[in-house]
Structure formats: C-alpha cells, structure tokens
Amino acid sequence: MAEHKSNDPLHGKTLEHIVIALEDYYGWGLLGKKVKINCFIKDPSVKSSLKFLRKTPWARKQVEDLYIEMLKETSS
C-alpha cells in the first residue's frame, strides 16, 4: 500500500522542534526582531517560548510562518 506524503511543511513537526530550529538558525536576538514577543526578547528559553506559544494562537502562527520561510531560504 502506498504511503501518503503530506505537502504541509509543518506536518510531523512539534512546536518544540520548530522553536529550536528557528533559534539555531536565527539566534534569539534576530528571532526576537522577526517575531516581537517577550519570550524571544527578555530572558529567552525554549521552555518559556513553548508555554507562551501554546496559549497564544496569533504568536504561534507567526512562528510557524517564519519556520516555513526559513525552510524556503535553506532549500534555495
């Protein structure tokens, strides 16, 4: 049986994976400029970011969109 492959770049990615990948690629300083949320600017950590992003849909959407943009940049 053929396996279905999703075209969604977020498919199978946890929020933790996304935050860590963005932090590795941009660093907290640039990440805080791209997505203006305090958990990326003041005393940033993966744990505090996950806690905030899980409760804040608009911020999570911005982070997911930035992750997709990062994937496009790295695949070019």
PDB file of N, CA and C in Angstrom:
ATOM      1  N   MET A   1       0.833  -1.175   0.000  1.00  0.00           N
ATOM      2  CA  MET A   1       0.000   0.000   0.000  1.00  0.00           C
ATOM      3  C   MET A   1       0.884   1.247   0.000  1.00  0.00           C
ATOM      4  N   ALA A   2       0.567   2.204  -0.823  1.00  0.00           N
ATOM      5  CA  ALA A   2       1.355   3.427  -0.934  1.00  0.00           C
ATOM      6  C   ALA A   2       1.132   4.314   0.287  1.00  0.00           C
ATOM      7  N   GLU A   3       2.215   4.928   0.744  1.00  0.00           N
ATOM      8  CA  GLU A   3       2.135   5.809   1.890  1.00  0.00           C
ATOM      9  C   GLU A   3       1.819   7.221   1.410  1.00  0.00           C
ATOM     10  N   HIS A   4       0.883   7.894   2.089  1.00  0.00           N
ATOM     11  CA  HIS A   4       0.508   9.255   1.722  1.00  0.00           C
ATOM     12  C   HIS A   4       1.546  10.230   2.260  1.00  0.00           C
ATOM     13  N   LYS A   5       2.056  11.094   1.406  1.00  0.00           N
ATOM     14  CA  LYS A   5       3.038  12.095   1.817  1.00  0.00           C
ATOM     15  C   LYS A   5       2.371  13.461   1.826  1.00  0.00           C
ATOM     16  N   SER A   6       2.469  14.146   2.940  1.00  0.00           N
ATOM     17  CA  SER A   6       1.853  15.466   3.096  1.00  0.00           C
ATOM     18  C   SER A   6       2.749  16.539   2.488  1.00  0.00           C
ATOM     19  N   ASN A   7       2.121  17.517   1.858  1.00  0.00           N
ATOM     20  CA  ASN A   7       2.867  18.663   1.323  1.00  0.00           C
ATOM     21  C   ASN A   7       3.002  19.778   2.353  1.00  0.00           C
ATOM     22  N   ASP A   8       2.389  19.596   3.523  1.00  0.00           N
ATOM     23  CA  ASP A   8       2.442  20.594   4.592  1.00  0.00           C
ATOM     24  C   ASP A   8       3.821  20.538   5.257  1.00  0.00           C
ATOM     25  N   PRO A   9       4.598  21.626   5.197  1.00  0.00           N
ATOM     26  CA  PRO A   9       5.938  21.605   5.796  1.00  0.00           C
ATOM     27  C   PRO A   9       5.914  21.480   7.327  1.00  0.00           C
ATOM     28  N   LEU A  10       4.756  21.722   7.936  1.00  0.00           N
ATOM     29  CA  LEU A  10       4.646  21.608   9.387  1.00  0.00           C
ATOM     30  C   LEU A  10       4.226  20.200   9.824  1.00  0.00           C
ATOM     31  N   HIS A  11       3.833  19.371   8.861  1.00  0.00           N
ATOM     32  CA  HIS A  11       3.360  18.027   9.179  1.00  0.00           C
ATOM     33  C   HIS A  11       4.448  17.223   9.891  1.00  0.00           C
ATOM     34  N   GLY A  12       4.107  16.720  11.056  1.00  0.00           N
ATOM     35  CA  GLY A  12       5.043  15.902  11.820  1.00  0.00           C
ATOM     36  C   GLY A  12       6.047  16.682  12.643  1.00  0.00           C
ATOM     37  N   LYS A  13       5.985  18.004  12.591  1.00  0.00           N
ATOM     38  CA  LYS A  13       6.923  18.843  13.352  1.00  0.00           C
ATOM     39  C   LYS A  13       6.253  19.311  14.639  1.00  0.00           C
ATOM     40  N   THR A  14       6.935  19.120  15.745  1.00  0.00           N
ATOM     41  CA  THR A  14       6.401  19.613  17.013  1.00  0.00           C
ATOM     42  C   THR A  14       6.749  21.093  17.148  1.00  0.00           C
ATOM     43  N   LEU A  15       6.011  21.770  18.003  1.00  0.00           N
ATOM     44  CA  LEU A  15       6.302  23.176  18.261  1.00  0.00           C
ATOM     45  C   LEU A  15       7.710  23.325  18.837  1.00  0.00           C
ATOM     46  N   GLU A  16       8.103  22.380  19.662  1.00  0.00           N
ATOM     47  CA  GLU A  16       9.454  22.420  20.227  1.00  0.00           C
ATOM     48  C   GLU A  16      10.504  22.316  19.120  1.00  0.00           C
ATOM     49  N   HIS A  17      10.308  21.419  18.167  1.00  0.00           N
ATOM     50  CA  HIS A  17      11.235  21.285  17.037  1.00  0.00           C
ATOM     51  C   HIS A  17      11.330  22.608  16.271  1.00  0.00           C
ATOM     52  N   ILE A  18      10.193  23.239  16.038  1.00  0.00           N
ATOM     53  CA  ILE A  18      10.151  24.489  15.281  1.00  0.00           C
ATOM     54  C   ILE A  18      10.914  25.588  16.013  1.00  0.00           C
ATOM     55  N   VAL A  19      10.666  25.745  17.310  1.00  0.00           N
ATOM     56  CA  VAL A  19      11.346  26.796  18.094  1.00  0.00           C
ATOM     57  C   VAL A  19      12.848  26.552  18.129  1.00  0.00           C
ATOM     58  N   ILE A  20      13.263  25.317  18.331  1.00  0.00           N
ATOM     59  CA  ILE A  20      14.699  25.006  18.386  1.00  0.00           C
ATOM     60  C   ILE A  20      15.349  25.261  17.028  1.00  0.00           C
ATOM     61  N   ALA A  21      14.688  24.873  15.948  1.00  0.00           N
ATOM     62  CA  ALA A  21      15.245  25.095  14.607  1.00  0.00           C
ATOM     63  C   ALA A  21      15.383  26.588  14.319  1.00  0.00           C
ATOM     64  N   LEU A  22      14.379  27.371  14.699  1.00  0.00           N
ATOM     65  CA  LEU A  22      14.442  28.822  14.476  1.00  0.00           C
ATOM     66  C   LEU A  22      15.547  29.453  15.312  1.00  0.00           C
ATOM     67  N   GLU A  23      15.682  29.029  16.554  1.00  0.00           N
ATOM     68  CA  GLU A  23      16.720  29.578  17.422  1.00  0.00           C
ATOM     69  C   GLU A  23      18.102  29.208  16.893  1.00  0.00           C
ATOM     70  N   ASP A  24      18.268  27.987  16.404  1.00  0.00           N
ATOM     71  CA  ASP A  24      19.550  27.565  15.821  1.00  0.00           C
ATOM     72  C   ASP A  24      19.887  28.394  14.584  1.00  0.00           C
ATOM     73  N   TYR A  25      18.889  28.681  13.774  1.00  0.00           N
ATOM     74  CA  TYR A  25      19.106  29.377  12.505  1.00  0.00           C
ATOM     75  C   TYR A  25      19.301  30.889  12.698  1.00  0.00           C
ATOM     76  N   TYR A  26      18.419  31.509  13.488  1.00  0.00           N
ATOM     77  CA  TYR A  26      18.445  32.965  13.646  1.00  0.00           C
ATOM     78  C   TYR A  26      19.141  33.436  14.921  1.00  0.00           C
ATOM     79  N   GLY A  27      19.105  32.642  15.973  1.00  0.00           N
ATOM     80  CA  GLY A  27      19.561  33.099  17.284  1.00  0.00           C
ATOM     81  C   GLY A  27      18.424  33.877  17.948  1.00  0.00           C
ATOM     82  N   TRP A  28      18.465  33.965  19.275  1.00  0.00           N
ATOM     83  CA  TRP A  28      17.367  34.630  19.992  1.00  0.00           C
ATOM     84  C   TRP A  28      17.244  36.102  19.612  1.00  0.00           C
ATOM     85  N   GLY A  29      18.370  36.802  19.422  1.00  0.00           N
ATOM     86  CA  GLY A  29      18.324  38.235  19.111  1.00  0.00           C
ATOM     87  C   GLY A  29      17.557  38.537  17.839  1.00  0.00           C
ATOM     88  N   LEU A  30      17.918  37.875  16.759  1.00  0.00           N
ATOM     89  CA  LEU A  30      17.249  38.107  15.479  1.00  0.00           C
ATOM     90  C   LEU A  30      15.833  37.534  15.492  1.00  0.00           C
ATOM     91  N   LEU A  31      15.654  36.428  16.171  1.00  0.00           N
ATOM     92  CA  LEU A  31      14.321  35.835  16.281  1.00  0.00           C
ATOM     93  C   LEU A  31      13.368  36.803  16.988  1.00  0.00           C
ATOM     94  N   GLY A  32      13.859  37.471  18.028  1.00  0.00           N
ATOM     95  CA  GLY A  32      13.054  38.465  18.748  1.00  0.00           C
ATOM     96  C   GLY A  32      12.715  39.679  17.894  1.00  0.00           C
ATOM     97  N   LYS A  33      13.549  39.977  16.913  1.00  0.00           N
ATOM     98  CA  LYS A  33      13.247  41.095  15.992  1.00  0.00           C
ATOM     99  C   LYS A  33      12.246  40.668  14.927  1.00  0.00           C
ATOM    100  N   LYS A  34      12.315  39.433  14.517  1.00  0.00           N
ATOM    101  CA  LYS A  34      11.412  38.941  13.473  1.00  0.00           C
ATOM    102  C   LYS A  34      10.008  38.668  14.019  1.00  0.00           C
ATOM    103  N   VAL A  35       9.939  38.122  15.225  1.00  0.00           N
ATOM    104  CA  VAL A  35       8.656  37.867  15.891  1.00  0.00           C
ATOM    105  C   VAL A  35       8.740  38.587  17.233  1.00  0.00           C
ATOM    106  N   LYS A  36       8.087  39.722  17.337  1.00  0.00           N
ATOM    107  CA  LYS A  36       8.220  40.581  18.512  1.00  0.00           C
ATOM    108  C   LYS A  36       7.344  40.099  19.668  1.00  0.00           C
ATOM    109  N   ILE A  37       7.880  39.108  20.374  1.00  0.00           N
ATOM    110  CA  ILE A  37       7.225  38.618  21.582  1.00  0.00           C
ATOM    111  C   ILE A  37       8.273  38.534  22.684  1.00  0.00           C
ATOM    112  N   ASN A  38       7.874  38.862  23.906  1.00  0.00           N
ATOM    113  CA  ASN A  38       8.826  38.951  25.017  1.00  0.00           C
ATOM    114  C   ASN A  38       9.579  37.665  25.293  1.00  0.00           C
ATOM    115  N   CYS A  39       8.948  36.518  25.050  1.00  0.00           N
ATOM    116  CA  CYS A  39       9.648  35.269  25.378  1.00  0.00           C
ATOM    117  C   CYS A  39      10.834  35.026  24.449  1.00  0.00           C
ATOM    118  N   PHE A  40      10.943  35.783  23.358  1.00  0.00           N
ATOM    119  CA  PHE A  40      12.124  35.714  22.490  1.00  0.00           C
ATOM    120  C   PHE A  40      13.104  36.848  22.796  1.00  0.00           C
ATOM    121  N   ILE A  41      12.655  37.864  23.526  1.00  0.00           N
ATOM    122  CA  ILE A  41      13.468  39.061  23.743  1.00  0.00           C
ATOM    123  C   ILE A  41      14.069  39.101  25.148  1.00  0.00           C
ATOM    124  N   LYS A  42      13.237  38.908  26.169  1.00  0.00           N
ATOM    125  CA  LYS A  42      13.691  39.022  27.556  1.00  0.00           C
ATOM    126  C   LYS A  42      13.900  37.631  28.151  1.00  0.00           C
ATOM    127  N   ASP A  43      15.131  37.314  28.496  1.00  0.00           N
ATOM    128  CA  ASP A  43      15.492  36.028  29.095  1.00  0.00           C
ATOM    129  C   ASP A  43      14.882  34.855  28.324  1.00  0.00           C
ATOM    130  N   PRO A  44      15.222  34.727  27.035  1.00  0.00           N
ATOM    131  CA  PRO A  44      14.589  33.705  26.195  1.00  0.00           C
ATOM    132  C   PRO A  44      15.012  32.281  26.553  1.00  0.00           C
ATOM    133  N   SER A  45      14.062  31.381  26.411  1.00  0.00           N
ATOM    134  CA  SER A  45      14.348  29.955  26.569  1.00  0.00           C
ATOM    135  C   SER A  45      13.300  29.183  25.775  1.00  0.00           C
ATOM    136  N   VAL A  46      13.631  27.971  25.436  1.00  0.00           N
ATOM    137  CA  VAL A  46      12.688  27.124  24.699  1.00  0.00           C
ATOM    138  C   VAL A  46      11.459  26.886  25.578  1.00  0.00           C
ATOM    139  N   LYS A  47      11.674  26.600  26.842  1.00  0.00           N
ATOM    140  CA  LYS A  47      10.570  26.293  27.759  1.00  0.00           C
ATOM    141  C   LYS A  47       9.582  27.449  27.872  1.00  0.00           C
ATOM    142  N   SER A  48      10.068  28.672  28.092  1.00  0.00           N
ATOM    143  CA  SER A  48       9.160  29.816  28.223  1.00  0.00           C
ATOM    144  C   SER A  48       8.468  30.112  26.899  1.00  0.00           C
ATOM    145  N   SER A  49       9.177  29.921  25.800  1.00  0.00           N
ATOM    146  CA  SER A  49       8.586  30.154  24.480  1.00  0.00           C
ATOM    147  C   SER A  49       7.458  29.172  24.214  1.00  0.00           C
ATOM    148  N   LEU A  50       7.672  27.898  24.516  1.00  0.00           N
ATOM    149  CA  LEU A  50       6.639  26.889  24.293  1.00  0.00           C
ATOM    150  C   LEU A  50       5.402  27.182  25.136  1.00  0.00           C
ATOM    151  N   LYS A  51       5.613  27.570  26.380  1.00  0.00           N
ATOM    152  CA  LYS A  51       4.497  27.866  27.273  1.00  0.00           C
ATOM    153  C   LYS A  51       3.650  29.006  26.702  1.00  0.00           C
ATOM    154  N   PHE A  52       4.298  30.073  26.243  1.00  0.00           N
ATOM    155  CA  PHE A  52       3.578  31.214  25.683  1.00  0.00           C
ATOM    156  C   PHE A  52       2.913  30.864  24.351  1.00  0.00           C
ATOM    157  N   LEU A  53       3.640  30.219  23.470  1.00  0.00           N
ATOM    158  CA  LEU A  53       3.116  29.935  22.129  1.00  0.00           C
ATOM    159  C   LEU A  53       1.939  28.963  22.165  1.00  0.00           C
ATOM    160  N   ARG A  54       1.923  28.056  23.117  1.00  0.00           N
ATOM    161  CA  ARG A  54       0.807  27.107  23.221  1.00  0.00           C
ATOM    162  C   ARG A  54      -0.481  27.801  23.650  1.00  0.00           C
ATOM    163  N   LYS A  55      -0.356  28.953  24.330  1.00  0.00           N
ATOM    164  CA  LYS A  55      -1.536  29.678  24.794  1.00  0.00           C
ATOM    165  C   LYS A  55      -1.920  30.838  23.884  1.00  0.00           C
ATOM    166  N   THR A  56      -1.087  31.150  22.888  1.00  0.00           N
ATOM    167  CA  THR A  56      -1.287  32.362  22.101  1.00  0.00           C
ATOM    168  C   THR A  56      -1.281  32.034  20.606  1.00  0.00           C
ATOM    169  N   PRO A  57      -2.468  31.786  20.032  1.00  0.00           N
ATOM    170  CA  PRO A  57      -2.556  31.354  18.632  1.00  0.00           C
ATOM    171  C   PRO A  57      -1.935  32.325  17.619  1.00  0.00           C
ATOM    172  N   TRP A  58      -2.086  33.634  17.809  1.00  0.00           N
ATOM    173  CA  TRP A  58      -1.542  34.582  16.827  1.00  0.00           C
ATOM    174  C   TRP A  58      -0.009  34.525  16.810  1.00  0.00           C
ATOM    175  N   ALA A  59       0.595  34.354  17.981  1.00  0.00           N
ATOM    176  CA  ALA A  59       2.059  34.278  18.051  1.00  0.00           C
ATOM    177  C   ALA A  59       2.547  32.950  17.462  1.00  0.00           C
ATOM    178  N   ARG A  60       1.834  31.886  17.752  1.00  0.00           N
ATOM    179  CA  ARG A  60       2.199  30.577  17.194  1.00  0.00           C
ATOM    180  C   ARG A  60       2.152  30.617  15.668  1.00  0.00           C
ATOM    181  N   LYS A  61       1.134  31.268  15.121  1.00  0.00           N
ATOM    182  CA  LYS A  61       1.007  31.390  13.658  1.00  0.00           C
ATOM    183  C   LYS A  61       2.211  32.137  13.079  1.00  0.00           C
ATOM    184  N   GLN A  62       2.630  33.227  13.727  1.00  0.00           N
ATOM    185  CA  GLN A  62       3.800  33.978  13.251  1.00  0.00           C
ATOM    186  C   GLN A  62       5.055  33.107  13.278  1.00  0.00           C
ATOM    187  N   VAL A  63       5.217  32.319  14.320  1.00  0.00           N
ATOM    188  CA  VAL A  63       6.383  31.447  14.453  1.00  0.00           C
ATOM    189  C   VAL A  63       6.351  30.352  13.381  1.00  0.00           C
ATOM    190  N   GLU A  64       5.192  29.770  13.165  1.00  0.00           N
ATOM    191  CA  GLU A  64       5.068  28.734  12.134  1.00  0.00           C
ATOM    192  C   GLU A  64       5.324  29.314  10.744  1.00  0.00           C
ATOM    193  N   ASP A  65       4.822  30.515  10.476  1.00  0.00           N
ATOM    194  CA  ASP A  65       5.071  31.166   9.187  1.00  0.00           C
ATOM    195  C   ASP A  65       6.554  31.457   8.991  1.00  0.00           C
ATOM    196  N   LEU A  66       7.223  31.906  10.053  1.00  0.00           N
ATOM    197  CA  LEU A  66       8.660  32.169   9.970  1.00  0.00           C
ATOM    198  C   LEU A  66       9.423  30.872   9.723  1.00  0.00           C
ATOM    199  N   TYR A  67       8.993  29.783  10.328  1.00  0.00           N
ATOM    200  CA  TYR A  67       9.633  28.480  10.116  1.00  0.00           C
ATOM    201  C   TYR A  67       9.520  28.064   8.647  1.00  0.00           C
ATOM    202  N   ILE A  68       8.342  28.240   8.068  1.00  0.00           N
ATOM    203  CA  ILE A  68       8.142  27.918   6.645  1.00  0.00           C
ATOM    204  C   ILE A  68       9.042  28.783   5.777  1.00  0.00           C
ATOM    205  N   GLU A  69       9.147  30.079   6.115  1.00  0.00           N
ATOM    206  CA  GLU A  69      10.023  30.999   5.381  1.00  0.00           C
ATOM    207  C   GLU A  69      11.487  30.543   5.499  1.00  0.00           C
ATOM    208  N   MET A  70      11.886  30.113   6.700  1.00  0.00           N
ATOM    209  CA  MET A  70      13.248  29.627   6.910  1.00  0.00           C
ATOM    210  C   MET A  70      13.516  28.384   6.052  1.00  0.00           C
ATOM    211  N   LEU A  71      12.543  27.479   5.977  1.00  0.00           N
ATOM    212  CA  LEU A  71      12.718  26.280   5.158  1.00  0.00           C
ATOM    213  C   LEU A  71      12.915  26.642   3.690  1.00  0.00           C
ATOM    214  N   LYS A  72      12.185  27.638   3.220  1.00  0.00           N
ATOM    215  CA  LYS A  72      12.336  28.078   1.828  1.00  0.00           C
ATOM    216  C   LYS A  72      13.724  28.670   1.602  1.00  0.00           C
ATOM    217  N   GLU A  73      14.214  29.466   2.571  1.00  0.00           N
ATOM    218  CA  GLU A  73      15.544  30.072   2.447  1.00  0.00           C
ATOM    219  C   GLU A  73      16.635  29.011   2.422  1.00  0.00           C
ATOM    220  N   THR A  74      16.491  27.994   3.235  1.00  0.00           N
ATOM    221  CA  THR A  74      17.543  26.985   3.336  1.00  0.00           C
ATOM    222  C   THR A  74      17.504  25.979   2.206  1.00  0.00           C
ATOM    223  N   SER A  75      16.367  25.873   1.519  1.00  0.00           N
ATOM    224  CA  SER A  75      16.287  24.917   0.419  1.00  0.00           C
ATOM    225  C   SER A  75      16.689  25.526  -0.928  1.00  0.00           C
ATOM    226  N   SER A  76      16.903  26.839  -0.947  1.00  0.00           N
ATOM    227  CA  SER A  76      17.280  27.504  -2.214  1.00  0.00           C
ATOM    228  C   SER A  76      18.744  27.322  -2.521  1.00  0.00           C
TER     229      SER A  76
END
